[in-house]
PDB file of N, CA and C in Angstrom:
ATOM      1  N   MET A   1      14.313  20.259  -5.730  1.00  0.00           N
ATOM      2  CA  MET A   1      12.791  20.454  -4.796  1.00  0.00           C
ATOM      3  C   MET A   1      12.372  21.648  -4.315  1.00  0.00           C
ATOM      4  N   LYS A   2      11.499  21.996  -4.506  1.00  0.00           N
ATOM      5  CA  LYS A   2      11.077  23.352  -3.865  1.00  0.00           C
ATOM      6  C   LYS A   2      10.478  23.165  -2.535  1.00  0.00           C
ATOM      7  N   TYR A   3       9.460  22.158  -2.310  1.00  0.00           N
ATOM      8  CA  TYR A   3       8.936  22.308  -1.189  1.00  0.00           C
ATOM      9  C   TYR A   3       9.135  20.770  -0.503  1.00  0.00           C
ATOM     10  N   PRO A   4      10.103  20.312  -0.076  1.00  0.00           N
ATOM     11  CA  PRO A   4      10.311  18.816   0.307  1.00  0.00           C
ATOM     12  C   PRO A   4       9.527  18.915   1.665  1.00  0.00           C
ATOM     13  N   LYS A   5       8.970  19.679   2.340  1.00  0.00           N
ATOM     14  CA  LYS A   5       7.882  19.537   3.275  1.00  0.00           C
ATOM     15  C   LYS A   5       6.514  18.896   2.869  1.00  0.00           C
ATOM     16  N   MET A   6       6.134  19.248   1.767  1.00  0.00           N
ATOM     17  CA  MET A   6       5.390  18.415   1.185  1.00  0.00           C
ATOM     18  C   MET A   6       5.304  17.350   0.641  1.00  0.00           C
ATOM     19  N   ARG A   7       6.321  17.169   0.097  1.00  0.00           N
ATOM     20  CA  ARG A   7       6.490  16.060  -0.271  1.00  0.00           C
ATOM     21  C   ARG A   7       6.621  15.287   0.957  1.00  0.00           C
ATOM     22  N   THR A   8       7.185  15.394   2.205  1.00  0.00           N
ATOM     23  CA  THR A   8       6.938  14.567   2.990  1.00  0.00           C
ATOM     24  C   THR A   8       5.774  14.245   3.927  1.00  0.00           C
ATOM     25  N   GLU A   9       4.810  15.487   3.436  1.00  0.00           N
ATOM     26  CA  GLU A   9       3.615  14.894   3.822  1.00  0.00           C
ATOM     27  C   GLU A   9       2.540  14.154   3.181  1.00  0.00           C
ATOM     28  N   LEU A  10       3.072  14.188   1.572  1.00  0.00           N
ATOM     29  CA  LEU A  10       2.683  13.514   0.406  1.00  0.00           C
ATOM     30  C   LEU A  10       2.735  11.918   1.044  1.00  0.00           C
ATOM     31  N   LEU A  11       4.009  11.592   1.459  1.00  0.00           N
ATOM     32  CA  LEU A  11       4.550  10.320   1.485  1.00  0.00           C
ATOM     33  C   LEU A  11       3.760   9.753   2.898  1.00  0.00           C
ATOM     34  N   ASP A  12       3.356  10.637   3.772  1.00  0.00           N
ATOM     35  CA  ASP A  12       2.737  10.511   4.815  1.00  0.00           C
ATOM     36  C   ASP A  12       1.525   9.757   4.617  1.00  0.00           C
ATOM     37  N   TYR A  13       0.661  10.779   3.606  1.00  0.00           N
ATOM     38  CA  TYR A  13      -0.458  10.214   3.271  1.00  0.00           C
ATOM     39  C   TYR A  13      -0.499   8.812   2.559  1.00  0.00           C
ATOM     40  N   LEU A  14       0.183   8.950   2.053  1.00  0.00           N
ATOM     41  CA  LEU A  14       0.362   7.617   0.707  1.00  0.00           C
ATOM     42  C   LEU A  14       0.713   6.141   1.778  1.00  0.00           C
ATOM     43  N   GLU A  15       1.396   6.514   2.651  1.00  0.00           N
ATOM     44  CA  GLU A  15       1.960   5.133   3.708  1.00  0.00           C
ATOM     45  C   GLU A  15       0.392   4.938   4.315  1.00  0.00           C
ATOM     46  N   ASN A  16      -0.342   5.708   4.542  1.00  0.00           N
ATOM     47  CA  ASN A  16      -1.332   5.675   5.409  1.00  0.00           C
ATOM     48  C   ASN A  16      -2.625   4.969   4.338  1.00  0.00           C
ATOM     49  N   LEU A  17      -2.689   5.699   3.100  1.00  0.00           N
ATOM     50  CA  LEU A  17      -3.552   5.003   2.250  1.00  0.00           C
ATOM     51  C   LEU A  17      -2.973   3.356   1.501  1.00  0.00           C
ATOM     52  N   SER A  18      -1.735   3.149   2.023  1.00  0.00           N
ATOM     53  CA  SER A  18      -1.706   2.187   1.510  1.00  0.00           C
ATOM     54  C   SER A  18      -1.675   0.491   2.409  1.00  0.00           C
ATOM     55  N   ASN A  19      -1.942   1.093   3.583  1.00  0.00           N
ATOM     56  CA  ASN A  19      -2.130   0.281   4.925  1.00  0.00           C
ATOM     57  C   ASN A  19      -3.587   0.097   5.286  1.00  0.00           C
ATOM     58  N   TRP A  20      -4.185  -1.007   4.917  1.00  0.00           N
ATOM     59  CA  TRP A  20      -5.598  -1.236   5.177  1.00  0.00           C
ATOM     60  C   TRP A  20      -5.730  -1.605   7.251  1.00  0.00           C
ATOM     61  N   ASP A  21      -4.576  -2.118   7.266  1.00  0.00           N
ATOM     62  CA  ASP A  21      -4.875  -2.454   8.753  1.00  0.00           C
ATOM     63  C   ASP A  21      -4.813  -0.798   9.558  1.00  0.00           C
ATOM     64  N   TYR A  22      -3.644  -0.164   9.137  1.00  0.00           N
ATOM     65  CA  TYR A  22      -3.745   1.370   9.837  1.00  0.00           C
ATOM     66  C   TYR A  22      -5.243   1.952   9.654  1.00  0.00           C
ATOM     67  N   GLN A  23      -5.566   1.857   8.111  1.00  0.00           N
ATOM     68  CA  GLN A  23      -6.906   2.432   8.140  1.00  0.00           C
ATOM     69  C   GLN A  23      -8.408   2.366   9.049  1.00  0.00           C
ATOM     70  N   ASN A  24      -8.051   1.043   9.333  1.00  0.00           N
ATOM     71  CA  ASN A  24      -9.066   0.443  10.043  1.00  0.00           C
ATOM     72  C   ASN A  24      -8.769   0.811  11.734  1.00  0.00           C
ATOM     73  N   ASP A  25      -7.661   0.595  12.100  1.00  0.00           N
ATOM     74  CA  ASP A  25      -7.389   0.854  13.479  1.00  0.00           C
ATOM     75  C   ASP A  25      -7.541   2.555  13.641  1.00  0.00           C
ATOM     76  N   CYS A  26      -7.225   3.158  12.753  1.00  0.00           N
ATOM     77  CA  CYS A  26      -7.072   4.453  13.121  1.00  0.00           C
ATOM     78  C   CYS A  26      -8.039   5.530  12.745  1.00  0.00           C
ATOM     79  N   TRP A  27      -8.513   5.213  11.381  1.00  0.00           N
ATOM     80  CA  TRP A  27      -9.426   5.863  10.692  1.00  0.00           C
ATOM     81  C   TRP A  27     -11.051   5.501  11.206  1.00  0.00           C
ATOM     82  N   VAL A  28     -10.791   4.270  11.338  1.00  0.00           N
ATOM     83  CA  VAL A  28     -12.547   3.389  11.637  1.00  0.00           C
ATOM     84  C   VAL A  28     -12.459   3.216  13.613  1.00  0.00           C
ATOM     85  N   ASN A  29     -11.644   2.877  13.993  1.00  0.00           N
ATOM     86  CA  ASN A  29     -11.810   2.739  15.791  1.00  0.00           C
ATOM     87  C   ASN A  29     -10.881   3.545  16.603  1.00  0.00           C
ATOM     88  N   GLY A  30     -10.227   4.671  15.811  1.00  0.00           N
ATOM     89  CA  GLY A  30      -9.846   5.760  16.651  1.00  0.00           C
ATOM     90  C   GLY A  30      -8.422   5.369  17.467  1.00  0.00           C
ATOM     91  N   LYS A  31      -8.035   3.822  16.900  1.00  0.00           N
ATOM     92  CA  LYS A  31      -6.651   3.982  17.769  1.00  0.00           C
ATOM     93  C   LYS A  31      -5.495   3.607  16.957  1.00  0.00           C
ATOM     94  N   CYS A  32      -4.950   5.175  16.967  1.00  0.00           N
ATOM     95  CA  CYS A  32      -3.906   5.571  15.822  1.00  0.00           C
ATOM     96  C   CYS A  32      -2.434   5.423  16.627  1.00  0.00           C
ATOM     97  N   PRO A  33      -1.402   5.018  16.242  1.00  0.00           N
ATOM     98  CA  PRO A  33      -0.002   4.769  16.419  1.00  0.00           C
ATOM     99  C   PRO A  33       0.773   6.165  17.128  1.00  0.00           C
ATOM    100  N   SER A  34       1.296   5.868  18.187  1.00  0.00           N
ATOM    101  CA  SER A  34       1.715   6.461  19.259  1.00  0.00           C
ATOM    102  C   SER A  34       2.683   8.147  18.173  1.00  0.00           C
ATOM    103  N   GLY A  35       1.791   9.453  18.892  1.00  0.00           N
ATOM    104  CA  GLY A  35       2.312  10.411  18.201  1.00  0.00           C
ATOM    105  C   GLY A  35       1.042  11.020  17.456  1.00  0.00           C
ATOM    106  N   ILE A  36       0.250   9.654  17.110  1.00  0.00           N
ATOM    107  CA  ILE A  36      -0.782  10.268  15.953  1.00  0.00           C
ATOM    108  C   ILE A  36      -2.380  10.289  16.930  1.00  0.00           C
ATOM    109  N   GLU A  37      -2.178  11.867  17.040  1.00  0.00           N
ATOM    110  CA  GLU A  37      -3.621  12.093  17.887  1.00  0.00           C
ATOM    111  C   GLU A  37      -5.047  11.550  17.146  1.00  0.00           C
ATOM    112  N   HIS A  38      -5.115  12.082  15.910  1.00  0.00           N
ATOM    113  CA  HIS A  38      -6.252  11.796  15.110  1.00  0.00           C
ATOM    114  C   HIS A  38      -5.628  11.748  13.884  1.00  0.00           C
ATOM    115  N   ASP A  39      -6.437  10.943  13.099  1.00  0.00           N
ATOM    116  CA  ASP A  39      -6.255  10.983  11.351  1.00  0.00           C
ATOM    117  C   ASP A  39      -7.914  10.256  10.832  1.00  0.00           C
ATOM    118  N   GLU A  40      -8.048  10.651   9.476  1.00  0.00           N
ATOM    119  CA  GLU A  40      -9.171  10.141   8.987  1.00  0.00           C
ATOM    120  C   GLU A  40      -8.816  10.277   7.322  1.00  0.00           C
ATOM    121  N   LEU A  41      -9.573   9.676   6.767  1.00  0.00           N
ATOM    122  CA  LEU A  41      -9.237   9.685   5.163  1.00  0.00           C
ATOM    123  C   LEU A  41      -9.456  11.086   4.513  1.00  0.00           C
ATOM    124  N   ASP A  42     -10.527  11.991   5.343  1.00  0.00           N
ATOM    125  CA  ASP A  42     -10.444  13.089   4.579  1.00  0.00           C
ATOM    126  C   ASP A  42      -9.571  13.606   4.358  1.00  0.00           C
ATOM    127  N   TYR A  43      -8.652  13.916   5.312  1.00  0.00           N
ATOM    128  CA  TYR A  43      -6.978  14.607   5.170  1.00  0.00           C
ATOM    129  C   TYR A  43      -6.226  13.991   4.036  1.00  0.00           C
ATOM    130  N   SER A  44      -6.204  12.768   3.901  1.00  0.00           N
ATOM    131  CA  SER A  44      -5.639  12.447   2.428  1.00  0.00           C
ATOM    132  C   SER A  44      -6.493  12.918   1.404  1.00  0.00           C
ATOM    133  N   ILE A  45      -7.379  12.829   1.406  1.00  0.00           N
ATOM    134  CA  ILE A  45      -8.380  13.586  -0.011  1.00  0.00           C
ATOM    135  C   ILE A  45      -7.961  14.674  -0.028  1.00  0.00           C
ATOM    136  N   HIS A  46      -8.235  15.320   1.013  1.00  0.00           N
ATOM    137  CA  HIS A  46      -7.948  16.858   0.540  1.00  0.00           C
ATOM    138  C   HIS A  46      -6.800  17.470  -0.007  1.00  0.00           C
ATOM    139  N   PHE A  47      -5.764  16.703   0.694  1.00  0.00           N
ATOM    140  CA  PHE A  47      -4.320  17.066   0.180  1.00  0.00           C
ATOM    141  C   PHE A  47      -4.401  16.733  -1.245  1.00  0.00           C
ATOM    142  N   LEU A  48      -4.718  15.273  -1.715  1.00  0.00           N
ATOM    143  CA  LEU A  48      -4.646  14.874  -2.963  1.00  0.00           C
ATOM    144  C   LEU A  48      -5.588  15.729  -3.891  1.00  0.00           C
ATOM    145  N   PHE A  49      -6.832  15.892  -3.608  1.00  0.00           N
ATOM    146  CA  PHE A  49      -7.538  16.535  -4.488  1.00  0.00           C
ATOM    147  C   PHE A  49      -7.786  18.254  -4.393  1.00  0.00           C
ATOM    148  N   ASP A  50      -7.862  18.469  -3.504  1.00  0.00           N
ATOM    149  CA  ASP A  50      -8.336  19.989  -2.856  1.00  0.00           C
ATOM    150  C   ASP A  50      -7.147  20.832  -2.913  1.00  0.00           C
ATOM    151  N   ASP A  51      -6.025  20.696  -2.025  1.00  0.00           N
ATOM    152  CA  ASP A  51      -4.840  21.428  -1.580  1.00  0.00           C
ATOM    153  C   ASP A  51      -3.572  21.288  -2.688  1.00  0.00           C
ATOM    154  N   THR A  52      -3.932  20.383  -3.382  1.00  0.00           N
ATOM    155  CA  THR A  52      -2.947  20.509  -4.667  1.00  0.00           C
ATOM    156  C   THR A  52      -3.278  20.103  -5.584  1.00  0.00           C
ATOM    157  N   ALA A  53      -2.565  20.265  -6.867  1.00  0.00           N
ATOM    158  CA  ALA A  53      -2.858  20.076  -8.111  1.00  0.00           C
ATOM    159  C   ALA A  53      -2.790  18.399  -8.649  1.00  0.00           C
ATOM    160  N   LEU A  54      -2.412  17.751  -7.620  1.00  0.00           N
ATOM    161  CA  LEU A  54      -2.358  16.361  -7.679  1.00  0.00           C
ATOM    162  C   LEU A  54      -3.031  15.307  -8.493  1.00  0.00           C
ATOM    163  N   SER A  55      -4.448  15.424  -7.919  1.00  0.00           N
ATOM    164  CA  SER A  55      -5.554  14.806  -8.650  1.00  0.00           C
ATOM    165  C   SER A  55      -5.513  15.277 -10.521  1.00  0.00           C
ATOM    166  N   ASP A  56      -5.468  16.492 -10.658  1.00  0.00           N
ATOM    167  CA  ASP A  56      -5.966  17.014 -11.608  1.00  0.00           C
ATOM    168  C   ASP A  56      -4.677  17.265 -12.736  1.00  0.00           C
ATOM    169  N   ASP A  57      -3.361  17.527 -12.345  1.00  0.00           N
ATOM    170  CA  ASP A  57      -2.094  17.712 -13.126  1.00  0.00           C
ATOM    171  C   ASP A  57      -1.109  17.237 -12.293  1.00  0.00           C
ATOM    172  N   PRO A  58      -0.750  16.329 -12.011  1.00  0.00           N
ATOM    173  CA  PRO A  58       0.295  16.050 -11.235  1.00  0.00           C
ATOM    174  C   PRO A  58       1.676  16.583 -11.525  1.00  0.00           C
ATOM    175  N   GLU A  59       1.670  16.170 -13.323  1.00  0.00           N
ATOM    176  CA  GLU A  59       3.255  16.841 -13.793  1.00  0.00           C
ATOM    177  C   GLU A  59       3.822  17.993 -13.714  1.00  0.00           C
ATOM    178  N   SER A  60       2.303  19.138 -12.990  1.00  0.00           N
ATOM    179  CA  SER A  60       2.831  20.546 -12.789  1.00  0.00           C
ATOM    180  C   SER A  60       3.598  20.551 -11.670  1.00  0.00           C
ATOM    181  N   LEU A  61       3.519  19.696 -10.392  1.00  0.00           N
ATOM    182  CA  LEU A  61       4.340  19.209  -9.526  1.00  0.00           C
ATOM    183  C   LEU A  61       5.424  18.706  -9.565  1.00  0.00           C
ATOM    184  N   ILE A  62       6.199  18.948 -10.665  1.00  0.00           N
ATOM    185  CA  ILE A  62       7.213  18.229 -10.803  1.00  0.00           C
ATOM    186  C   ILE A  62       8.441  18.954 -10.250  1.00  0.00           C
ATOM    187  N   ASP A  63       9.511  18.572  -9.883  1.00  0.00           N
ATOM    188  CA  ASP A  63      10.504  19.909  -9.087  1.00  0.00           C
ATOM    189  C   ASP A  63       9.652  20.756  -8.247  1.00  0.00           C
ATOM    190  N   ILE A  64       8.568  20.597  -7.915  1.00  0.00           N
ATOM    191  CA  ILE A  64       7.838  21.453  -7.107  1.00  0.00           C
ATOM    192  C   ILE A  64       7.857  20.409  -5.490  1.00  0.00           C
ATOM    193  N   PHE A  65       7.556  19.386  -5.443  1.00  0.00           N
ATOM    194  CA  PHE A  65       7.801  18.156  -4.607  1.00  0.00           C
ATOM    195  C   PHE A  65       7.664  16.909  -5.135  1.00  0.00           C
ATOM    196  N   LEU A  66       7.403  16.667  -6.467  1.00  0.00           N
ATOM    197  CA  LEU A  66       7.613  15.385  -7.153  1.00  0.00           C
ATOM    198  C   LEU A  66       8.758  15.319  -7.929  1.00  0.00           C
ATOM    199  N   LYS A  67       9.513  14.333  -8.019  1.00  0.00           N
ATOM    200  CA  LYS A  67      10.540  14.177  -8.635  1.00  0.00           C
ATOM    201  C   LYS A  67      10.672  14.480 -10.041  1.00  0.00           C
ATOM    202  N   ASN A  68       9.773  13.553 -11.117  1.00  0.00           N
ATOM    203  CA  ASN A  68       9.918  12.991 -12.345  1.00  0.00           C
ATOM    204  C   ASN A  68       8.609  12.854 -12.531  1.00  0.00           C
ATOM    205  N   LYS A  69       8.174  12.350 -13.779  1.00  0.00           N
ATOM    206  CA  LYS A  69       7.240  11.714 -14.360  1.00  0.00           C
ATOM    207  C   LYS A  69       6.995  10.614 -14.302  1.00  0.00           C
ATOM    208  N   GLU A  70       7.674   9.627 -13.532  1.00  0.00           N
ATOM    209  CA  GLU A  70       7.120   8.246 -12.852  1.00  0.00           C
ATOM    210  C   GLU A  70       6.384   8.753 -11.516  1.00  0.00           C
ATOM    211  N   GLU A  71       6.966   9.269 -11.243  1.00  0.00           N
ATOM    212  CA  GLU A  71       6.266   9.559  -9.893  1.00  0.00           C
ATOM    213  C   GLU A  71       4.928  10.340  -9.975  1.00  0.00           C
ATOM    214  N   ALA A  72       4.827  11.270 -10.677  1.00  0.00           N
ATOM    215  CA  ALA A  72       3.600  12.058 -11.115  1.00  0.00           C
ATOM    216  C   ALA A  72       2.473  11.089 -11.883  1.00  0.00           C
ATOM    217  N   ASP A  73       2.593   9.963 -12.471  1.00  0.00           N
ATOM    218  CA  ASP A  73       2.013   9.062 -13.035  1.00  0.00           C
ATOM    219  C   ASP A  73       1.239   8.295 -11.768  1.00  0.00           C
ATOM    220  N   SER A  74       2.327   7.630 -10.865  1.00  0.00           N
ATOM    221  CA  SER A  74       2.025   7.000  -9.745  1.00  0.00           C
ATOM    222  C   SER A  74       0.880   7.512  -8.984  1.00  0.00           C
ATOM    223  N   ILE A  75       0.743   9.227  -8.730  1.00  0.00           N
ATOM    224  CA  ILE A  75       0.060   9.812  -8.011  1.00  0.00           C
ATOM    225  C   ILE A  75      -1.406   9.414  -8.795  1.00  0.00           C
ATOM    226  N   ARG A  76      -1.052  10.032 -10.490  1.00  0.00           N
ATOM    227  CA  ARG A  76      -2.324   9.838 -10.871  1.00  0.00           C
ATOM    228  C   ARG A  76      -3.354   8.679 -11.167  1.00  0.00           C
ATOM    229  N   LEU A  77      -2.344   7.669 -11.263  1.00  0.00           N
ATOM    230  CA  LEU A  77      -3.230   6.202 -11.110  1.00  0.00           C
ATOM    231  C   LEU A  77      -3.690   5.729  -9.525  1.00  0.00           C
ATOM    232  N   LEU A  78      -3.329   6.377  -8.840  1.00  0.00           N
ATOM    233  CA  LEU A  78      -3.783   6.696  -7.028  1.00  0.00           C
ATOM    234  C   LEU A  78      -5.310   7.364  -7.675  1.00  0.00           C
ATOM    235  N   CYS A  79      -5.256   8.466  -7.874  1.00  0.00           N
ATOM    236  CA  CYS A  79      -6.289   9.457  -7.987  1.00  0.00           C
ATOM    237  C   CYS A  79      -7.134   9.072  -8.752  1.00  0.00           C
ATOM    238  N   ASP A  80      -6.891   8.309  -9.695  1.00  0.00           N
ATOM    239  CA  ASP A  80      -7.587   7.632 -10.676  1.00  0.00           C
ATOM    240  C   ASP A  80      -8.832   6.639 -10.064  1.00  0.00           C
ATOM    241  N   GLU A  81      -8.112   5.897  -9.351  1.00  0.00           N
ATOM    242  CA  GLU A  81      -8.480   4.588  -8.513  1.00  0.00           C
ATOM    243  C   GLU A  81      -9.360   5.361  -7.656  1.00  0.00           C
ATOM    244  N   LEU A  82      -9.480   6.356  -7.018  1.00  0.00           N
ATOM    245  CA  LEU A  82     -10.324   7.201  -5.778  1.00  0.00           C
ATOM    246  C   LEU A  82     -11.514   7.599  -6.823  1.00  0.00           C
ATOM    247  N   GLN A  83     -11.051   7.998  -7.602  1.00  0.00           N
ATOM    248  CA  GLN A  83     -12.163   8.724  -8.713  1.00  0.00           C
ATOM    249  C   GLN A  83     -13.302   7.582  -8.564  1.00  0.00           C
ATOM    250  N   ILE A  84     -12.658   6.561  -9.482  1.00  0.00           N
ATOM    251  CA  ILE A  84     -13.531   5.582  -9.927  1.00  0.00           C
ATOM    252  C   ILE A  84     -14.643   5.310  -8.690  1.00  0.00           C
ATOM    253  N   ILE A  85     -14.202   5.001  -7.567  1.00  0.00           N
ATOM    254  CA  ILE A  85     -14.964   5.240  -6.001  1.00  0.00           C
ATOM    255  C   ILE A  85     -16.063   6.065  -5.689  1.00  0.00           C
ATOM    256  N   PHE A  86     -15.678   7.465  -6.021  1.00  0.00           N
ATOM    257  CA  PHE A  86     -16.179   8.666  -5.931  1.00  0.00           C
ATOM    258  C   PHE A  86     -17.277   8.494  -6.568  1.00  0.00           C
ATOM    259  N   LYS A  87     -17.013   8.225  -7.945  1.00  0.00           N
ATOM    260  CA  LYS A  87     -18.092   8.068  -8.866  1.00  0.00           C
ATOM    261  C   LYS A  87     -19.222   7.453  -8.784  1.00  0.00           C
ATOM    262  N   LYS A  88     -18.520   6.069  -8.764  1.00  0.00           N
ATOM    263  CA  LYS A  88     -19.711   5.617  -8.196  1.00  0.00           C
ATOM    264  C   LYS A  88     -20.332   5.129  -6.834  1.00  0.00           C
ATOM    265  N   TYR A  89     -19.945   5.555  -5.763  1.00  0.00           N
ATOM    266  CA  TYR A  89     -20.455   5.842  -4.356  1.00  0.00           C
ATOM    267  C   TYR A  89     -20.737   7.141  -4.011  1.00  0.00           C
ATOM    268  N   GLY A  90     -20.227   8.145  -4.333  1.00  0.00           N
ATOM    269  CA  GLY A  90     -20.014   9.396  -3.945  1.00  0.00           C
ATOM    270  C   GLY A  90     -19.297   9.482  -3.158  1.00  0.00           C
ATOM    271  N   THR A  91     -19.235  10.860  -2.488  1.00  0.00           N
ATOM    272  CA  THR A  91     -18.389  11.377  -1.375  1.00  0.00           C
ATOM    273  C   THR A  91     -18.703  11.354  -0.126  1.00  0.00           C
ATOM    274  N   LYS A  92     -20.000  10.735   0.195  1.00  0.00           N
ATOM    275  CA  LYS A  92     -20.356  11.168   1.929  1.00  0.00           C
ATOM    276  C   LYS A  92     -20.445   9.545   2.550  1.00  0.00           C
ATOM    277  N   LEU A  93     -19.514   8.446   1.898  1.00  0.00           N
ATOM    278  CA  LEU A  93     -19.625   7.398   2.592  1.00  0.00           C
ATOM    279  C   LEU A  93     -18.717   7.505   3.671  1.00  0.00           C
ATOM    280  N   SER A  94     -18.895   6.807   4.909  1.00  0.00           N
ATOM    281  CA  SER A  94     -17.966   6.927   6.095  1.00  0.00           C
ATOM    282  C   SER A  94     -16.566   6.328   5.959  1.00  0.00           C
ATOM    283  N   ASP A  95     -15.379   6.439   6.553  1.00  0.00           N
ATOM    284  CA  ASP A  95     -14.327   5.912   6.163  1.00  0.00           C
ATOM    285  C   ASP A  95     -14.523   4.520   6.422  1.00  0.00           C
ATOM    286  N   GLU A  96     -15.129   3.787   6.809  1.00  0.00           N
ATOM    287  CA  GLU A  96     -15.151   2.594   7.429  1.00  0.00           C
ATOM    288  C   GLU A  96     -15.975   2.016   5.794  1.00  0.00           C
ATOM    289  N   GLU A  97     -17.109   2.478   5.792  1.00  0.00           N
ATOM    290  CA  GLU A  97     -17.947   2.124   4.286  1.00  0.00           C
ATOM    291  C   GLU A  97     -16.881   1.995   3.335  1.00  0.00           C
ATOM    292  N   TYR A  98     -15.897   3.352   2.991  1.00  0.00           N
ATOM    293  CA  TYR A  98     -14.900   2.918   1.772  1.00  0.00           C
ATOM    294  C   TYR A  98     -13.882   1.947   1.841  1.00  0.00           C
ATOM    295  N   ILE A  99     -13.014   1.687   3.241  1.00  0.00           N
ATOM    296  CA  ILE A  99     -12.101   1.053   2.993  1.00  0.00           C
ATOM    297  C   ILE A  99     -12.571  -0.506   3.269  1.00  0.00           C
ATOM    298  N   ASN A 100     -13.990  -0.927   3.056  1.00  0.00           N
ATOM    299  CA  ASN A 100     -14.774  -2.032   3.203  1.00  0.00           C
ATOM    300  C   ASN A 100     -15.109  -2.520   1.473  1.00  0.00           C
ATOM    301  N   LEU A 101     -15.243  -1.446   0.710  1.00  0.00           N
ATOM    302  CA  LEU A 101     -15.647  -1.671  -0.563  1.00  0.00           C
ATOM    303  C   LEU A 101     -14.693  -2.709  -0.855  1.00  0.00           C
ATOM    304  N   ALA A 102     -15.110  -3.664  -2.171  1.00  0.00           N
ATOM    305  CA  ALA A 102     -14.084  -4.239  -2.984  1.00  0.00           C
ATOM    306  C   ALA A 102     -13.569  -3.467  -3.602  1.00  0.00           C
ATOM    307  N   GLU A 103     -13.467  -2.157  -4.299  1.00  0.00           N
ATOM    308  CA  GLU A 103     -13.200  -1.454  -4.891  1.00  0.00           C
ATOM    309  C   GLU A 103     -11.615  -0.809  -4.239  1.00  0.00           C
ATOM    310  N   TRP A 104     -11.824  -0.694  -2.756  1.00  0.00           N
ATOM    311  CA  TRP A 104     -10.804  -0.335  -2.007  1.00  0.00           C
ATOM    312  C   TRP A 104      -9.346  -0.776  -2.442  1.00  0.00           C
ATOM    313  N   LYS A 105      -9.510  -2.055  -2.372  1.00  0.00           N
ATOM    314  CA  LYS A 105      -8.275  -2.975  -2.689  1.00  0.00           C
ATOM    315  C   LYS A 105      -7.231  -2.528  -3.754  1.00  0.00           C
ATOM    316  N   ASN A 106      -8.065  -1.722  -4.804  1.00  0.00           N
ATOM    317  CA  ASN A 106      -7.038  -1.409  -5.896  1.00  0.00           C
ATOM    318  C   ASN A 106      -6.533  -0.143  -5.135  1.00  0.00           C
ATOM    319  N   VAL A 107      -7.363   1.176  -4.528  1.00  0.00           N
ATOM    320  CA  VAL A 107      -6.537   2.410  -4.165  1.00  0.00           C
ATOM    321  C   VAL A 107      -5.739   1.817  -3.315  1.00  0.00           C
ATOM    322  N   VAL A 108      -5.471   0.877  -2.475  1.00  0.00           N
ATOM    323  CA  VAL A 108      -4.492   0.307  -1.278  1.00  0.00           C
ATOM    324  C   VAL A 108      -3.351  -0.033  -2.188  1.00  0.00           C
ATOM    325  N   ARG A 109      -3.868  -1.016  -3.236  1.00  0.00           N
ATOM    326  CA  ARG A 109      -2.209  -1.442  -4.151  1.00  0.00           C
ATOM    327  C   ARG A 109      -1.804  -0.269  -4.975  1.00  0.00           C
ATOM    328  N   ALA A 110      -2.630   0.715  -5.408  1.00  0.00           N
ATOM    329  CA  ALA A 110      -2.177   2.102  -6.015  1.00  0.00           C
ATOM    330  C   ALA A 110      -1.232   2.848  -5.134  1.00  0.00           C
ATOM    331  N   ALA A 111      -1.588   3.130  -3.975  1.00  0.00           N
ATOM    332  CA  ALA A 111      -1.214   3.761  -2.745  1.00  0.00           C
ATOM    333  C   ALA A 111       0.501   3.337  -2.785  1.00  0.00           C
ATOM    334  N   GLN A 112       0.310   1.779  -2.391  1.00  0.00           N
ATOM    335  CA  GLN A 112       1.501   1.109  -2.202  1.00  0.00           C
ATOM    336  C   GLN A 112       2.418   1.501  -3.302  1.00  0.00           C
ATOM    337  N   ALA A 113       2.045   1.130  -4.399  1.00  0.00           N
ATOM    338  CA  ALA A 113       2.974   1.390  -5.600  1.00  0.00           C
ATOM    339  C   ALA A 113       3.517   2.826  -5.645  1.00  0.00           C
ATOM    340  N   ALA A 114       2.578   3.925  -5.135  1.00  0.00           N
ATOM    341  CA  ALA A 114       3.241   5.120  -5.286  1.00  0.00           C
ATOM    342  C   ALA A 114       3.978   5.551  -4.120  1.00  0.00           C
ATOM    343  N   PHE A 115       3.658   4.948  -2.797  1.00  0.00           N
ATOM    344  CA  PHE A 115       4.738   5.124  -1.807  1.00  0.00           C
ATOM    345  C   PHE A 115       6.408   4.261  -2.029  1.00  0.00           C
ATOM    346  N   ALA A 116       6.141   3.455  -2.675  1.00  0.00           N
ATOM    347  CA  ALA A 116       7.081   2.702  -3.097  1.00  0.00           C
ATOM    348  C   ALA A 116       7.886   3.492  -4.120  1.00  0.00           C
ATOM    349  N   LYS A 117       7.515   3.965  -5.350  1.00  0.00           N
ATOM    350  CA  LYS A 117       7.897   4.653  -5.813  1.00  0.00           C
ATOM    351  C   LYS A 117       8.546   6.119  -5.412  1.00  0.00           C
ATOM    352  N   LEU A 118       7.837   6.770  -4.844  1.00  0.00           N
ATOM    353  CA  LEU A 118       8.338   8.191  -3.716  1.00  0.00           C
ATOM    354  C   LEU A 118       9.488   7.837  -3.068  1.00  0.00           C
ATOM    355  N   SER A 119       9.332   6.717  -2.640  1.00  0.00           N
ATOM    356  CA  SER A 119      10.465   6.595  -1.464  1.00  0.00           C
ATOM    357  C   SER A 119      11.547   6.274  -1.722  1.00  0.00           C
ATOM    358  N   GLN A 120      11.784   5.560  -3.247  1.00  0.00           N
ATOM    359  CA  GLN A 120      13.205   5.375  -3.515  1.00  0.00           C
ATOM    360  C   GLN A 120      14.281   6.305  -3.521  1.00  0.00           C
TER     361      GLN A 120
END
């Protein structure tokens, strides 16, 4: 694996996206766990959609910081769920508005699956 630190960063974002209580506490209410000064949905979105090719071509990151096609597929599913929300509601909602959408449960489930896959 070429960039293990990027994998660690991805795992952190997946863990945060997979936990609605964390999102509500930290992103919305600013009550982040010890050691985390600030966090918000935007950080995860930028990593997945802007800073890497995860949303467009996760397969290209196999051996870079993904291990295999199964991991890439799990990330693609997560990004697809986020895209569904962005297409329907846009990209200007607050973190609180996003996490309270009915469709957000699909994001959380996809993130849980991706986190489980990458944590193996």
